[in-house]
Amino acid sequence: MQISVIMSVYNHENYLNYSINSILNQSYENFEFLIIDDDSTDNSYKILKHYALRDKRIKVFKNTKNIGLTKSLNKLILHSSSKFIARQDSDDFSLPNRFKKQHSFLTASHYQACTTRALTKQDMKTIPNFSYYLPKKIILKYKNPFVHGSLMISRKLINEIGKYDERFYYSQDYKLFSDLYYSKCRIKILKQPLYVLNMKDNISSNFTTEQKYYASCVKKRSVPKN
């Protein structure tokens, strides 16, 4: 396998068919799909088990208690076995050529990580928009310029930087990209939107205050007080 796709799920039964099928329908098929249920209280785990029976590339794990996105992703990284790790959020959608274009880019360049631009599910706007054309080192001082769910990264690299920082229960993506930047890793944002991002009823919209606090810690390069 060339790609290990990692996805954490918590109470997303209404989105899972949409999200999982977008991975199974990729034009690039040489991947394993690692999904962890973070102790959901709805039918998410039942749906995941159903998919695992249908497609041998899917491996399903389950937390015995809710531990959050950061720790769940790190658990999946430990179970991964491929050269590259690709992210997918359980309420988002990957366009069919996403893996093919990202894998081709990484194998043909000196970059070790890339993301893509995305379309917002609600109004199909492209993000990042104008900020895409600005230096990423400047944008990183104020916000995360990368679409986390569209990340593809060398497994060796993400392990070398210590995976996701588990002190960051929220804004773990901003912290990861900040860590990559300060470790001198070059990350490319592919210009073509290859991901559809849900902007409603998600972590960012439901936990705005918490996200802002953890993001402020990233900007200050400080440790959050949990």
Protein backbone atom coordinates (compact mmCIF):
# COMPACT_ATOMS: atom_id res chain seq x y z
CA MET A 1 0.00 0.00 0.00
CA GLN A 2 1.23 3.49 -0.86
CA ILE A 3 -1.31 5.48 1.21
CA SER A 4 -2.84 5.01 4.65
CA VAL A 5 -6.03 7.06 4.91
CA ILE A 6 -6.90 7.97 8.50
CA MET A 7 -10.31 9.13 9.70
CA SER A 8 -11.77 9.58 13.18
CA VAL A 9 -15.54 9.39 13.65
CA TYR A 10 -17.75 10.68 16.42
CA ASN A 11 -21.55 10.68 16.00
CA HIS A 12 -21.51 11.28 12.25
CA GLU A 13 -23.99 8.64 11.09
CA ASN A 14 -25.65 11.15 8.74
CA TYR A 15 -22.38 11.93 6.92
CA LEU A 16 -20.54 8.62 6.77
CA ASN A 17 -21.92 7.27 3.49
CA TYR A 18 -21.04 10.56 1.83
CA SER A 19 -17.52 10.63 3.24
CA ILE A 20 -16.53 6.97 3.03
CA ASN A 21 -17.80 6.53 -0.53
CA SER A 22 -15.71 9.49 -1.63
CA ILE A 23 -12.62 7.53 -0.56
CA LEU A 24 -13.70 4.18 -1.95
CA ASN A 25 -14.42 5.87 -5.30
CA GLN A 26 -10.94 7.34 -5.69
CA SER A 27 -9.29 6.80 -9.06
CA TYR A 28 -6.11 5.87 -7.16
CA GLU A 29 -6.90 2.58 -5.42
CA ASN A 30 -3.65 1.49 -3.72
CA PHE A 31 -4.53 2.49 -0.15
CA GLU A 32 -5.64 1.19 3.21
CA PHE A 33 -8.47 3.02 4.99
CA LEU A 34 -8.08 3.17 8.77
CA ILE A 35 -11.15 4.43 10.61
CA ILE A 36 -11.58 4.80 14.35
CA ASP A 37 -14.90 5.28 16.12
CA ASP A 38 -14.36 7.60 19.09
CA ASP A 39 -17.03 5.94 21.27
CA SER A 40 -20.00 7.27 19.26
CA THR A 41 -23.48 7.12 20.80
CA ASP A 42 -25.28 6.90 17.45
CA ASN A 43 -25.07 4.24 14.69
CA SER A 44 -21.65 5.32 13.41
CA TYR A 45 -19.80 2.19 14.51
CA LYS A 46 -22.47 -0.09 13.02
CA ILE A 47 -22.13 1.72 9.68
CA LEU A 48 -18.34 1.42 9.80
CA LYS A 49 -18.49 -2.32 10.43
CA HIS A 50 -20.85 -2.69 7.47
CA TYR A 51 -18.35 -0.95 5.18
CA ALA A 52 -15.46 -3.04 6.51
CA LEU A 53 -17.30 -6.18 5.42
CA ARG A 54 -17.75 -4.75 1.92
CA ASP A 55 -14.19 -3.55 1.28
CA LYS A 56 -11.05 -5.29 2.56
CA ARG A 57 -9.07 -2.04 2.45
CA ILE A 58 -11.08 -0.75 5.42
CA LYS A 59 -9.87 -1.48 8.95
CA VAL A 60 -12.12 -0.32 11.79
CA PHE A 61 -11.02 0.46 15.34
CA LYS A 62 -13.08 1.55 18.34
CA ASN A 63 -12.20 3.58 21.42
CA THR A 64 -13.71 2.34 24.67
CA LYS A 65 -14.19 5.97 25.71
CA ASN A 66 -14.23 9.30 23.90
CA ILE A 67 -10.65 10.60 23.69
CA GLY A 68 -10.97 13.31 21.04
CA LEU A 69 -9.63 13.82 17.54
CA THR A 70 -5.95 14.41 18.38
CA LYS A 71 -5.34 11.16 20.26
CA SER A 72 -7.54 9.19 17.87
CA LEU A 73 -5.49 10.30 14.86
CA ASN A 74 -2.25 9.40 16.63
CA LYS A 75 -3.61 5.91 17.33
CA LEU A 76 -4.35 5.47 13.64
CA ILE A 77 -0.87 6.67 12.66
CA LEU A 78 0.56 3.91 14.87
CA HIS A 79 -1.53 1.37 12.93
CA SER A 80 -0.57 2.77 9.52
CA SER A 81 1.88 0.95 7.27
CA SER A 82 2.16 3.01 4.07
CA LYS A 83 4.66 5.52 2.76
CA PHE A 84 2.13 8.34 2.89
CA ILE A 85 -0.67 9.23 5.28
CA ALA A 86 -3.78 10.98 3.98
CA ARG A 87 -6.39 12.65 6.15
CA GLN A 88 -10.13 12.58 5.67
CA ASP A 89 -12.74 14.10 7.95
CA SER A 90 -15.89 12.09 8.48
CA ASP A 91 -18.24 14.89 7.39
CA ASP A 92 -16.26 15.94 4.30
CA PHE A 93 -15.89 14.67 0.72
CA SER A 94 -12.81 13.99 -1.42
CA LEU A 95 -13.11 14.48 -5.16
CA PRO A 96 -12.28 11.33 -7.21
CA ASN A 97 -8.81 12.41 -8.40
CA ARG A 98 -7.58 13.76 -5.06
CA PHE A 99 -5.27 10.87 -4.14
CA LYS A 100 -3.95 10.44 -7.67
CA LYS A 101 -2.98 14.11 -7.98
CA GLN A 102 -1.47 14.39 -4.50
CA HIS A 103 0.45 11.13 -4.74
CA SER A 104 1.79 12.05 -8.18
CA PHE A 105 2.89 15.45 -6.92
CA LEU A 106 4.70 14.10 -3.85
CA THR A 107 6.47 11.29 -5.68
CA ALA A 108 7.66 13.66 -8.42
CA SER A 109 8.85 16.50 -6.16
CA HIS A 110 11.03 17.19 -3.12
CA TYR A 111 8.00 18.04 -1.00
CA GLN A 112 7.06 15.70 1.85
CA ALA A 113 3.54 17.05 2.41
CA CYS A 114 0.76 18.73 0.49
CA THR A 115 -2.81 19.84 0.94
CA THR A 116 -5.34 21.05 -1.60
CA ARG A 117 -7.74 23.90 -1.85
CA ALA A 118 -11.35 23.01 -1.06
CA LEU A 119 -14.90 23.89 -1.97
CA THR A 120 -17.27 24.69 0.88
CA LYS A 121 -20.18 22.27 0.91
CA GLN A 122 -22.78 24.93 1.72
CA ASP A 123 -22.00 27.51 -0.99
CA MET A 124 -19.17 25.97 -3.10
CA LYS A 125 -16.76 28.82 -2.43
CA THR A 126 -13.06 28.07 -2.89
CA ILE A 127 -10.84 28.18 0.21
CA PRO A 128 -8.26 29.41 0.76
CA ASN A 129 -9.17 32.15 -1.68
CA PHE A 130 -7.07 35.33 -1.78
CA SER A 131 -4.76 34.14 0.99
CA TYR A 132 -3.70 31.26 -1.24
CA TYR A 133 -1.46 33.71 -3.10
CA LEU A 134 0.26 35.05 0.04
CA PRO A 135 3.39 33.60 1.68
CA LYS A 136 2.34 30.79 4.03
CA LYS A 137 4.83 31.84 6.71
CA ILE A 138 2.95 35.12 7.05
CA ILE A 139 -0.53 33.57 7.11
CA LEU A 140 0.59 31.02 9.73
CA LYS A 141 1.19 33.85 12.20
CA TYR A 142 -2.53 34.62 12.17
CA LYS A 143 -4.37 31.44 11.18
CA ASN A 144 -4.04 27.99 9.66
CA PRO A 145 -3.88 28.39 5.85
CA PHE A 146 -4.12 24.63 5.16
CA VAL A 147 -7.23 22.45 4.77
CA HIS A 148 -6.47 19.72 7.30
CA GLY A 149 -8.77 17.09 5.83
CA SER A 150 -6.94 17.29 2.50
CA LEU A 151 -3.49 16.60 3.96
CA MET A 152 -1.20 13.98 2.46
CA ILE A 153 2.14 13.63 4.24
CA SER A 154 5.12 11.31 4.46
CA ARG A 155 4.54 8.86 7.33
CA LYS A 156 8.24 9.12 8.17
CA LEU A 157 7.98 12.90 8.52
CA ILE A 158 4.88 12.98 10.73
CA ASN A 159 6.49 10.42 13.03
CA GLU A 160 9.74 12.39 13.14
CA ILE A 161 7.97 15.50 14.43
CA GLY A 162 6.14 13.49 17.09
CA LYS A 163 2.78 13.12 15.35
CA TYR A 164 -0.07 15.37 16.59
CA ASP A 165 0.65 17.22 19.82
CA GLU A 166 -1.74 15.60 22.32
CA ARG A 167 -1.72 18.69 24.53
CA PHE A 168 -3.88 20.31 21.84
CA TYR A 169 -7.39 18.89 22.16
CA TYR A 170 -8.53 21.52 19.64
CA SER A 171 -6.65 23.29 16.81
CA GLN A 172 -4.45 20.20 16.51
CA ASP A 173 -4.21 20.84 12.77
CA TYR A 174 -2.91 24.39 13.25
CA LYS A 175 -0.34 23.06 15.72
CA LEU A 176 0.74 20.31 13.34
CA PHE A 177 1.27 22.67 10.43
CA SER A 178 3.08 25.12 12.70
CA ASP A 179 5.38 22.31 13.88
CA LEU A 180 6.04 21.33 10.28
CA TYR A 181 6.86 24.92 9.35
CA TYR A 182 9.29 25.42 12.23
CA SER A 183 10.95 22.11 11.37
CA LYS A 184 11.67 23.59 7.92
CA CYS A 185 9.31 21.23 6.12
CA ARG A 186 8.02 22.55 2.82
CA ILE A 187 4.27 22.09 2.33
CA LYS A 188 2.54 22.73 -0.98
CA ILE A 189 -1.10 23.70 -1.38
CA LEU A 190 -2.27 22.34 -4.72
CA LYS A 191 -4.19 25.02 -6.59
CA GLN A 192 -7.04 22.82 -7.80
CA PRO A 193 -9.82 22.21 -5.24
CA LEU A 194 -9.92 18.46 -4.59
CA TYR A 195 -11.88 18.43 -1.34
CA VAL A 196 -15.36 19.49 -0.23
CA LEU A 197 -15.43 20.95 3.27
CA ASN A 198 -18.47 20.89 5.53
CA MET A 199 -18.78 24.24 7.33
CA LYS A 200 -21.92 23.50 9.35
CA ASP A 201 -22.32 21.66 12.66
CA ASN A 202 -18.65 20.69 12.86
CA ILE A 203 -15.87 21.05 15.45
CA SER A 204 -14.95 24.55 14.32
CA SER A 205 -18.51 25.86 14.44
CA ASN A 206 -19.58 24.00 17.60
CA PHE A 207 -16.51 24.76 19.71
CA THR A 208 -15.54 28.24 18.55
CA THR A 209 -14.31 29.48 21.93
CA GLU A 210 -12.15 26.42 22.55
CA GLN A 211 -10.72 26.54 19.03
CA LYS A 212 -9.76 30.19 19.45
CA TYR A 213 -8.01 29.52 22.76
CA TYR A 214 -5.95 26.62 21.43
CA ALA A 215 -5.19 28.56 18.25
CA SER A 216 -3.90 31.45 20.38
CA CYS A 217 -1.53 29.00 22.06
CA VAL A 218 -0.19 27.99 18.66
CA LYS A 219 0.41 31.62 17.74
CA LYS A 220 2.21 32.29 21.02
CA ARG A 221 4.02 28.94 20.82
CA SER A 222 2.80 28.22 24.32
CA VAL A 223 1.30 25.16 26.02
CA PRO A 224 -2.48 25.18 26.62
CA LYS A 225 -3.75 24.94 30.18
CA ASN A 226 -6.02 21.89 30.09
